[in-house]
Structures are given as structure tokens and as C-alpha cells.
Protein backbone atom coordinates (compact mmCIF):
# COMPACT_ATOMS: atom_id res chain seq x y z
CA UNK A 1 140.59 -104.21 -36.36
CA UNK A 2 139.79 -100.44 -36.83
CA UNK A 3 136.52 -99.67 -38.69
CA UNK A 4 136.62 -100.28 -42.26
CA UNK A 5 138.79 -103.66 -42.26
CA UNK A 6 142.02 -101.68 -40.70
CA UNK A 7 144.38 -103.44 -38.67
CA UNK A 8 144.76 -101.70 -35.37
CA UNK A 9 147.96 -99.81 -34.03
CA UNK A 10 149.96 -101.54 -31.68
CA UNK A 11 151.64 -100.90 -28.09
CA UNK A 12 154.84 -102.55 -27.73
CA UNK A 13 154.75 -103.27 -23.42
CA UNK A 14 158.56 -103.41 -22.32
CA UNK A 15 158.21 -105.13 -18.69
CA UNK A 16 160.37 -104.00 -15.55
CA UNK A 17 162.61 -106.10 -13.68
CA UNK A 18 160.64 -109.02 -12.00
CA UNK A 19 157.68 -108.28 -13.86
CA UNK A 20 155.23 -110.82 -14.73
CA UNK A 21 152.62 -110.94 -17.79
CA UNK A 22 149.60 -110.17 -15.62
CA UNK A 23 151.60 -107.10 -14.29
CA UNK A 24 151.32 -105.68 -17.87
CA UNK A 25 147.15 -106.63 -18.06
CA UNK A 26 145.91 -103.64 -17.13
CA UNK A 27 148.30 -101.57 -19.07
CA UNK A 28 146.85 -103.68 -22.23
CA UNK A 29 143.46 -103.19 -21.39
CA UNK A 30 143.85 -99.46 -21.11
CA UNK A 31 145.26 -99.52 -24.76
CA UNK A 32 143.07 -101.73 -25.67
CA UNK A 33 139.65 -99.23 -24.74
CA UNK A 34 141.89 -96.51 -26.39
CA UNK A 35 141.34 -98.24 -29.85
CA UNK A 36 145.28 -100.23 -30.05
CA UNK A 37 146.32 -103.50 -29.41
CA UNK A 38 149.59 -104.81 -27.56
CA UNK A 39 152.41 -106.95 -27.34
CA UNK A 40 153.73 -107.61 -24.01
CA UNK A 41 157.92 -108.13 -24.06
CA UNK A 42 159.74 -108.73 -20.53
CA UNK A 43 163.15 -109.39 -20.55
CA UNK A 44 164.62 -111.92 -18.30
CA UNK A 45 165.82 -110.87 -14.99
CA UNK A 46 169.47 -112.49 -15.75
CA UNK A 47 169.49 -110.66 -19.32
CA UNK A 48 168.68 -107.48 -17.24
CA UNK A 49 171.98 -107.79 -14.96
CA UNK A 50 173.75 -108.83 -18.08
CA UNK A 51 172.58 -105.36 -19.66
CA UNK A 52 174.44 -103.53 -16.90
CA UNK A 53 177.72 -104.16 -18.25
CA UNK A 54 177.02 -104.54 -22.31
CA UNK A 55 174.72 -102.80 -24.40
CA UNK A 56 174.31 -102.40 -28.14
CA UNK A 57 177.16 -101.10 -30.30
CA UNK A 58 177.92 -97.38 -31.18
CA UNK A 59 175.34 -97.25 -33.65
CA UNK A 60 177.17 -94.49 -36.57
CA UNK A 61 180.78 -96.81 -36.35
CA UNK A 62 178.26 -99.95 -36.42
CA UNK A 63 176.90 -98.59 -39.79
CA UNK A 64 180.70 -97.77 -40.84
CA UNK A 65 181.95 -101.14 -39.81
CA UNK A 66 184.61 -99.65 -37.71
CA UNK A 67 182.86 -100.71 -34.44
CA UNK A 68 184.96 -104.11 -33.75
CA UNK A 69 182.19 -105.53 -31.09
CA UNK A 70 179.59 -105.25 -34.15
CA UNK A 71 181.86 -106.36 -37.06
CA UNK A 72 182.43 -109.69 -34.37
CA UNK A 73 178.81 -109.78 -33.75
CA UNK A 74 177.94 -109.66 -37.13
CA UNK A 75 180.54 -112.39 -37.99
CA UNK A 76 179.86 -114.77 -35.32
CA UNK A 77 175.74 -114.23 -35.38
CA UNK A 78 175.73 -114.69 -31.67
CA UNK A 79 173.13 -112.38 -29.85
CA UNK A 80 172.78 -111.36 -26.38
CA UNK A 81 169.48 -112.51 -24.88
CA UNK A 82 167.92 -109.53 -24.91
CA UNK A 83 168.87 -108.79 -28.17
CA UNK A 84 167.21 -111.40 -29.69
CA UNK A 85 164.25 -110.78 -27.35
CA UNK A 86 163.98 -107.26 -29.57
CA UNK A 87 164.45 -108.81 -32.65
CA UNK A 88 161.67 -111.43 -31.86
CA UNK A 89 159.05 -108.52 -30.90
CA UNK A 90 159.91 -106.37 -34.47
CA UNK A 91 159.75 -109.73 -36.21
CA UNK A 92 155.80 -110.38 -34.49
CA UNK A 93 155.22 -106.16 -35.54
CA UNK A 94 155.84 -107.26 -39.01
CA UNK A 95 153.75 -110.39 -39.21
CA UNK A 96 150.61 -108.06 -37.83
CA UNK A 97 150.89 -105.57 -40.18
CA UNK A 98 149.59 -102.65 -38.03
CA UNK A 99 149.36 -99.19 -39.26
CA UNK A 100 151.69 -97.79 -37.43
CA UNK A 101 153.01 -98.51 -33.42
CA UNK A 102 154.07 -97.01 -30.20
CA UNK A 103 156.63 -98.48 -27.39
CA UNK A 104 156.20 -98.08 -23.63
CA UNK A 105 159.18 -99.20 -21.71
CA UNK A 106 159.09 -99.59 -17.61
CA UNK A 107 161.89 -99.19 -15.97
CA UNK A 108 165.23 -100.00 -16.73
CA UNK A 109 164.42 -103.49 -17.93
CA UNK A 110 162.34 -101.98 -20.67
CA UNK A 111 164.53 -99.21 -21.45
CA UNK A 112 167.23 -101.89 -21.69
CA UNK A 113 164.98 -103.66 -24.54
CA UNK A 114 164.02 -100.49 -26.09
CA UNK A 115 167.98 -99.55 -26.38
CA UNK A 116 168.31 -102.71 -28.98
CA UNK A 117 164.77 -102.39 -30.40
CA UNK A 118 166.19 -98.40 -31.27
CA UNK A 119 169.55 -99.58 -32.60
CA UNK A 120 167.71 -102.74 -35.10
CA UNK A 121 165.65 -100.07 -36.30
CA UNK A 122 168.45 -97.61 -37.04
CA UNK A 123 170.35 -100.51 -39.45
CA UNK A 124 170.61 -99.62 -42.71
CA UNK A 125 169.43 -103.06 -44.43
CA UNK A 126 172.35 -102.72 -47.13
CA UNK A 127 175.22 -101.69 -44.87
CA UNK A 128 173.93 -104.48 -42.00
CA UNK A 129 173.03 -107.76 -43.33
CA UNK A 130 173.11 -108.61 -39.54
CA UNK A 131 169.06 -108.38 -39.39
CA UNK A 132 167.86 -109.65 -42.77
CA UNK A 133 164.57 -110.35 -41.61
CA UNK A 134 163.80 -106.58 -40.64
CA UNK A 135 162.72 -104.13 -42.63
CA UNK A 136 163.83 -101.65 -40.58
CA UNK A 137 163.23 -98.65 -42.70
CA UNK A 138 159.32 -99.24 -43.64
CA UNK A 139 159.13 -100.02 -39.65
CA UNK A 140 161.05 -96.72 -38.51
CA UNK A 141 158.83 -94.69 -40.39
CA UNK A 142 155.41 -96.06 -38.49
CA UNK A 143 156.75 -95.78 -34.94
CA UNK A 144 154.77 -92.48 -33.29
CA UNK A 145 155.76 -92.44 -29.99
CA UNK A 146 157.91 -93.68 -26.98
CA UNK A 147 156.57 -93.58 -23.22
CA UNK A 148 159.09 -93.62 -20.32
CA UNK A 149 157.47 -95.01 -17.37
CA UNK A 150 159.47 -94.79 -13.95
CA UNK A 151 161.96 -94.50 -16.63
CA UNK A 152 164.78 -94.18 -17.58
CA UNK A 153 166.27 -94.73 -13.93
CA UNK A 154 169.31 -93.04 -13.07
CA UNK A 155 171.28 -95.79 -11.31
CA UNK A 156 174.78 -94.14 -11.23
CA UNK A 157 176.79 -96.97 -11.74
CA UNK A 158 176.44 -98.20 -8.10
CA UNK A 159 175.68 -101.50 -7.82
CA UNK A 160 173.86 -101.18 -4.38
CA UNK A 161 171.10 -99.70 -6.62
CA UNK A 162 170.59 -102.99 -8.67
CA UNK A 163 170.91 -105.23 -5.57
CA UNK A 164 167.53 -103.27 -4.37
CA UNK A 165 165.93 -103.73 -7.77
CA UNK A 166 166.28 -107.35 -7.38
CA UNK A 167 163.89 -107.21 -4.46
CA UNK A 168 161.48 -107.37 -6.85
CA UNK A 169 162.53 -110.58 -8.81
CA UNK A 170 159.60 -112.78 -6.95
CA UNK A 171 161.63 -115.88 -7.10
CA UNK A 172 163.89 -116.38 -4.09
CA UNK A 173 166.30 -118.68 -5.68
CA UNK A 174 166.68 -116.78 -8.85
CA UNK A 175 166.90 -113.45 -6.59
CA UNK A 176 169.73 -115.07 -4.80
CA UNK A 177 171.54 -116.09 -7.77
CA UNK A 178 171.28 -112.85 -9.32
CA UNK A 179 172.23 -110.97 -6.25
CA UNK A 180 175.93 -113.22 -6.37
CA UNK A 181 176.21 -112.85 -9.85
CA UNK A 182 175.54 -108.84 -9.61
CA UNK A 183 178.02 -108.20 -6.99
CA UNK A 184 180.55 -109.86 -8.79
CA UNK A 185 179.94 -107.56 -11.67
CA UNK A 186 183.17 -105.67 -12.57
CA UNK A 187 182.53 -101.96 -11.03
CA UNK A 188 184.53 -100.56 -13.79
CA UNK A 189 182.34 -102.42 -16.35
CA UNK A 190 179.58 -101.17 -14.59
CA UNK A 191 180.30 -97.99 -14.28
CA UNK A 192 181.19 -97.69 -18.26
CA UNK A 193 178.30 -99.27 -19.11
CA UNK A 194 176.48 -96.37 -17.03
CA UNK A 195 177.63 -93.92 -18.74
CA UNK A 196 177.08 -94.89 -21.87
CA UNK A 197 173.45 -96.09 -21.06
CA UNK A 198 172.54 -92.74 -19.82
CA UNK A 199 174.28 -90.66 -22.62
CA UNK A 200 172.59 -92.70 -24.82
CA UNK A 201 169.24 -91.81 -24.04
CA UNK A 202 170.09 -87.65 -22.91
CA UNK A 203 171.45 -87.42 -26.48
CA UNK A 204 169.46 -89.41 -28.44
CA UNK A 205 169.17 -87.53 -31.84
CA UNK A 206 165.65 -89.15 -32.53
CA UNK A 207 163.14 -87.14 -33.05
CA UNK A 208 160.63 -89.29 -32.04
CA UNK A 209 157.66 -87.82 -29.63
CA UNK A 210 158.54 -89.12 -26.35
CA UNK A 211 156.34 -88.86 -22.62
CA UNK A 212 157.86 -89.22 -19.54
CA UNK A 213 155.82 -90.51 -16.48
CA UNK A 214 157.52 -90.18 -12.77
CA UNK A 215 157.30 -89.32 -9.18
CA UNK A 216 159.43 -87.70 -6.43
CA UNK A 217 158.20 -90.61 -4.60
CA UNK A 218 160.17 -93.08 -7.11
CA UNK A 219 162.98 -94.24 -5.01
CA UNK A 220 164.48 -96.61 -7.86
CA UNK A 221 164.31 -94.00 -10.89
CA UNK A 222 165.47 -90.37 -8.81
CA UNK A 223 163.42 -87.36 -9.43
CA UNK A 224 165.89 -84.85 -9.72
CA UNK A 225 168.21 -86.33 -12.77
CA UNK A 226 165.28 -87.65 -14.61
CA UNK A 227 163.95 -84.07 -14.96
CA UNK A 228 167.53 -82.70 -15.47
CA UNK A 229 167.38 -85.79 -18.83
CA UNK A 230 163.54 -84.37 -19.71
CA UNK A 231 164.66 -80.50 -19.82
CA UNK A 232 167.85 -81.17 -22.09
CA UNK A 233 165.56 -83.38 -24.40
CA UNK A 234 162.87 -80.54 -23.92
CA UNK A 235 165.91 -77.75 -25.53
CA UNK A 236 167.00 -79.78 -28.12
CA UNK A 237 163.46 -81.11 -29.54
CA UNK A 238 160.73 -78.64 -27.90
CA UNK A 239 157.91 -79.56 -25.71
CA UNK A 240 155.92 -80.47 -28.89
CA UNK A 241 157.88 -83.68 -29.12
CA UNK A 242 158.93 -83.76 -25.27
CA UNK A 243 155.89 -84.63 -23.25
CA UNK A 244 156.08 -85.05 -19.36
CA UNK A 245 153.56 -85.88 -16.28
CA UNK A 246 154.64 -85.89 -12.73
CA UNK A 247 152.25 -87.71 -10.48
CA UNK A 248 152.78 -86.31 -7.10
CA UNK A 249 152.95 -89.55 -4.49
CA UNK A 250 152.82 -92.87 -6.59
CA UNK A 251 155.43 -95.24 -6.68
CA UNK A 252 158.06 -97.03 -9.25
CA UNK A 253 155.29 -98.46 -12.40
CA UNK A 254 152.44 -98.00 -9.58
CA UNK A 255 151.17 -94.48 -11.24
CA UNK A 256 148.59 -96.26 -13.11
CA UNK A 257 147.32 -98.29 -10.07
CA UNK A 258 147.12 -95.04 -8.08
CA UNK A 259 145.93 -92.48 -10.73
CA UNK A 260 144.02 -94.51 -12.95
CA UNK A 261 141.86 -91.83 -14.39
CA UNK A 262 144.60 -89.12 -14.85
CA UNK A 263 147.26 -91.58 -16.36
CA UNK A 264 144.65 -92.71 -18.63
CA UNK A 265 144.00 -89.22 -19.65
CA UNK A 266 147.92 -88.22 -19.75
CA UNK A 267 148.39 -91.56 -22.12
CA UNK A 268 145.62 -90.55 -24.47
CA UNK A 269 146.41 -87.08 -24.79
CA UNK A 270 149.72 -88.12 -26.18
CA UNK A 271 148.65 -90.34 -28.54
CA UNK A 272 146.53 -87.97 -30.08
CA UNK A 273 149.03 -85.60 -30.38
CA UNK A 274 152.08 -88.13 -31.75
CA UNK A 275 149.22 -89.81 -33.98
CA UNK A 276 148.48 -86.26 -35.17
CA UNK A 277 152.31 -85.49 -36.14
CA UNK A 278 152.03 -89.05 -38.01
CA UNK A 279 149.03 -88.53 -39.87
CA UNK A 280 150.51 -85.05 -41.26
CA UNK A 281 153.58 -86.31 -42.51
CA UNK A 282 156.27 -85.42 -39.80
CA UNK A 283 159.23 -88.39 -39.79
CA UNK A 284 159.08 -90.22 -36.42
CA UNK A 285 162.46 -91.15 -36.69
CA UNK A 286 164.14 -87.55 -37.97
CA UNK A 287 167.72 -87.25 -36.54
CA UNK A 288 169.75 -84.34 -35.87
CA UNK A 289 173.32 -83.79 -35.19
CA UNK A 290 173.94 -83.91 -31.28
CA UNK A 291 176.72 -83.30 -29.37
CA UNK A 292 177.31 -85.91 -26.90
CA UNK A 293 177.45 -84.34 -22.97
CA UNK A 294 176.88 -85.39 -19.28
CA UNK A 295 174.80 -84.19 -16.88
């Protein structure tokens, strides 16, 4: 608890493909030193592969009931594994009763989970009875920032990029099963989903402070495409909302490991700025009309 008996803020750590709880321990320790509790959430390898062909339905259409996928989902009450994880995460966040929170995403595994967290937060309870246990309005006003660590990864709808990422799965038997599954995926489905995923992050109308941490030597998250995304979002929301830090030569999800002091300072600066904006009354989930486009 904070001085005066107040609850500490919480950061949700969304892990990468092949991540283990022990891998996130150093990040939990970092945030603990900065006065934050952490909740680690790691999508299973199976759910990450599934997310390469299926993601959340369009938010606007879903809220008006025009999206057939969402209508079917609402009626059948069947949820994907990664959607269930997002729902469970937000339910735990409500139990913790923290004053405000952040989300720290690692690689595309974390970003796929963030997609669903964001989707659930944007559902209006009156219009969407899909998540009756979630007070989305209260939660969304307490979201102060989102960190993209080695993410999002521009995999350009190529299955071989997914196969490269699967090398991070430590279990050989699991890895072999996932490789078979990945190679059997419909190329068209993967391509359609990739454009949906990338455009959703590129043109997201959410005016929440964001921090992008990346490196030119990260072979899983191409620097050039990520910098295009960051530049576009800076143009939409300005450098007050969109922050970035480019590490010179750290590998995928290894920025903290190689540059601990620099990494800690960047996170602390972002927290100070984001919490300052929150305390001065800015709306973390204010949305602006944006026309979709592709880079």
C-alpha cells in the first residue's frame, strides 16, 4: 500500500510468445521499486497462433449490433482462450481496487492480449451484455498509459515469420505441434488478420499515453515499419501523448536485460508524465475520429 493506506497502482505485464513467469520477474521488480504492483498475464502459445487468424470484431459495429461475429459471440457465449484471459485480467484488476493502472505489452503475444483488453474496455455495458462482470467505464477512466516493448511486430502476413517466433517456445513437443498448426493456416486468413491487426494499432483512436521501446537489431520487430507507425501516431496525437525510446543494439524483449539503468529511467519518465496527465484531468480513453489507412 501507499502512504495513508492507499492501494498502489497496478501494471499489467502481457508476456510474449514462449514467455514464462520467471522471465517477467525482473519487470515486476522494476515496477515494485517505482511503487507499482504488477499482474503478469501470458497468453499460451496456442492462443497466440490462433490470434494470427482471428481477433476482436470491429468495436463500432459490435456496439451497434451490426457485426455478425460479435452477435454470434454474444449469443453463444463462447470465447476464445485469449479473450477469456483478457476478461479474467480485468476482473482481477477490479478486485484489486487500484487507483489507476497501466498495460505493458511484450511482442505480438502481449499485443494480441492487449487487443482484447482494449476491446472489452470499450464496450458500453448498456449496449453490450457480453461482459456483465466488467465495469468498463470505471476501468477505462483509470488507464493512464500503455507500453509497447519490442512491439507491435510487423510480420507482414508471412507464416515463416510466425515460425521464427515459435523458436522461442521452450517445449520441443509443443513447438513441433505449433509448427504443424502454423504451416496449415490459410494464407489468406493470415494476411487478412495481419492487416486488421496492424491497421487497428496504426489508426487506433485512443488518446492514451503510449511508449514504444524498440531497437534496430530486433529481427522480430522490424524497426523501419515500427517507426512508420510511431511517426503516424505522433502526427495524430503529438509527442505529449506518444513517447519512444530506441535502444542501440538490444535483441527482442531484451532491452531491460542489456540496458537496465537506461530502461528504468525511460519507464520512470513515462510514468511521471502519464500519471501527471491523469491527475490533471485528461481523459485516458478519449477517442478522436480517424480515417483508416495503411502504410
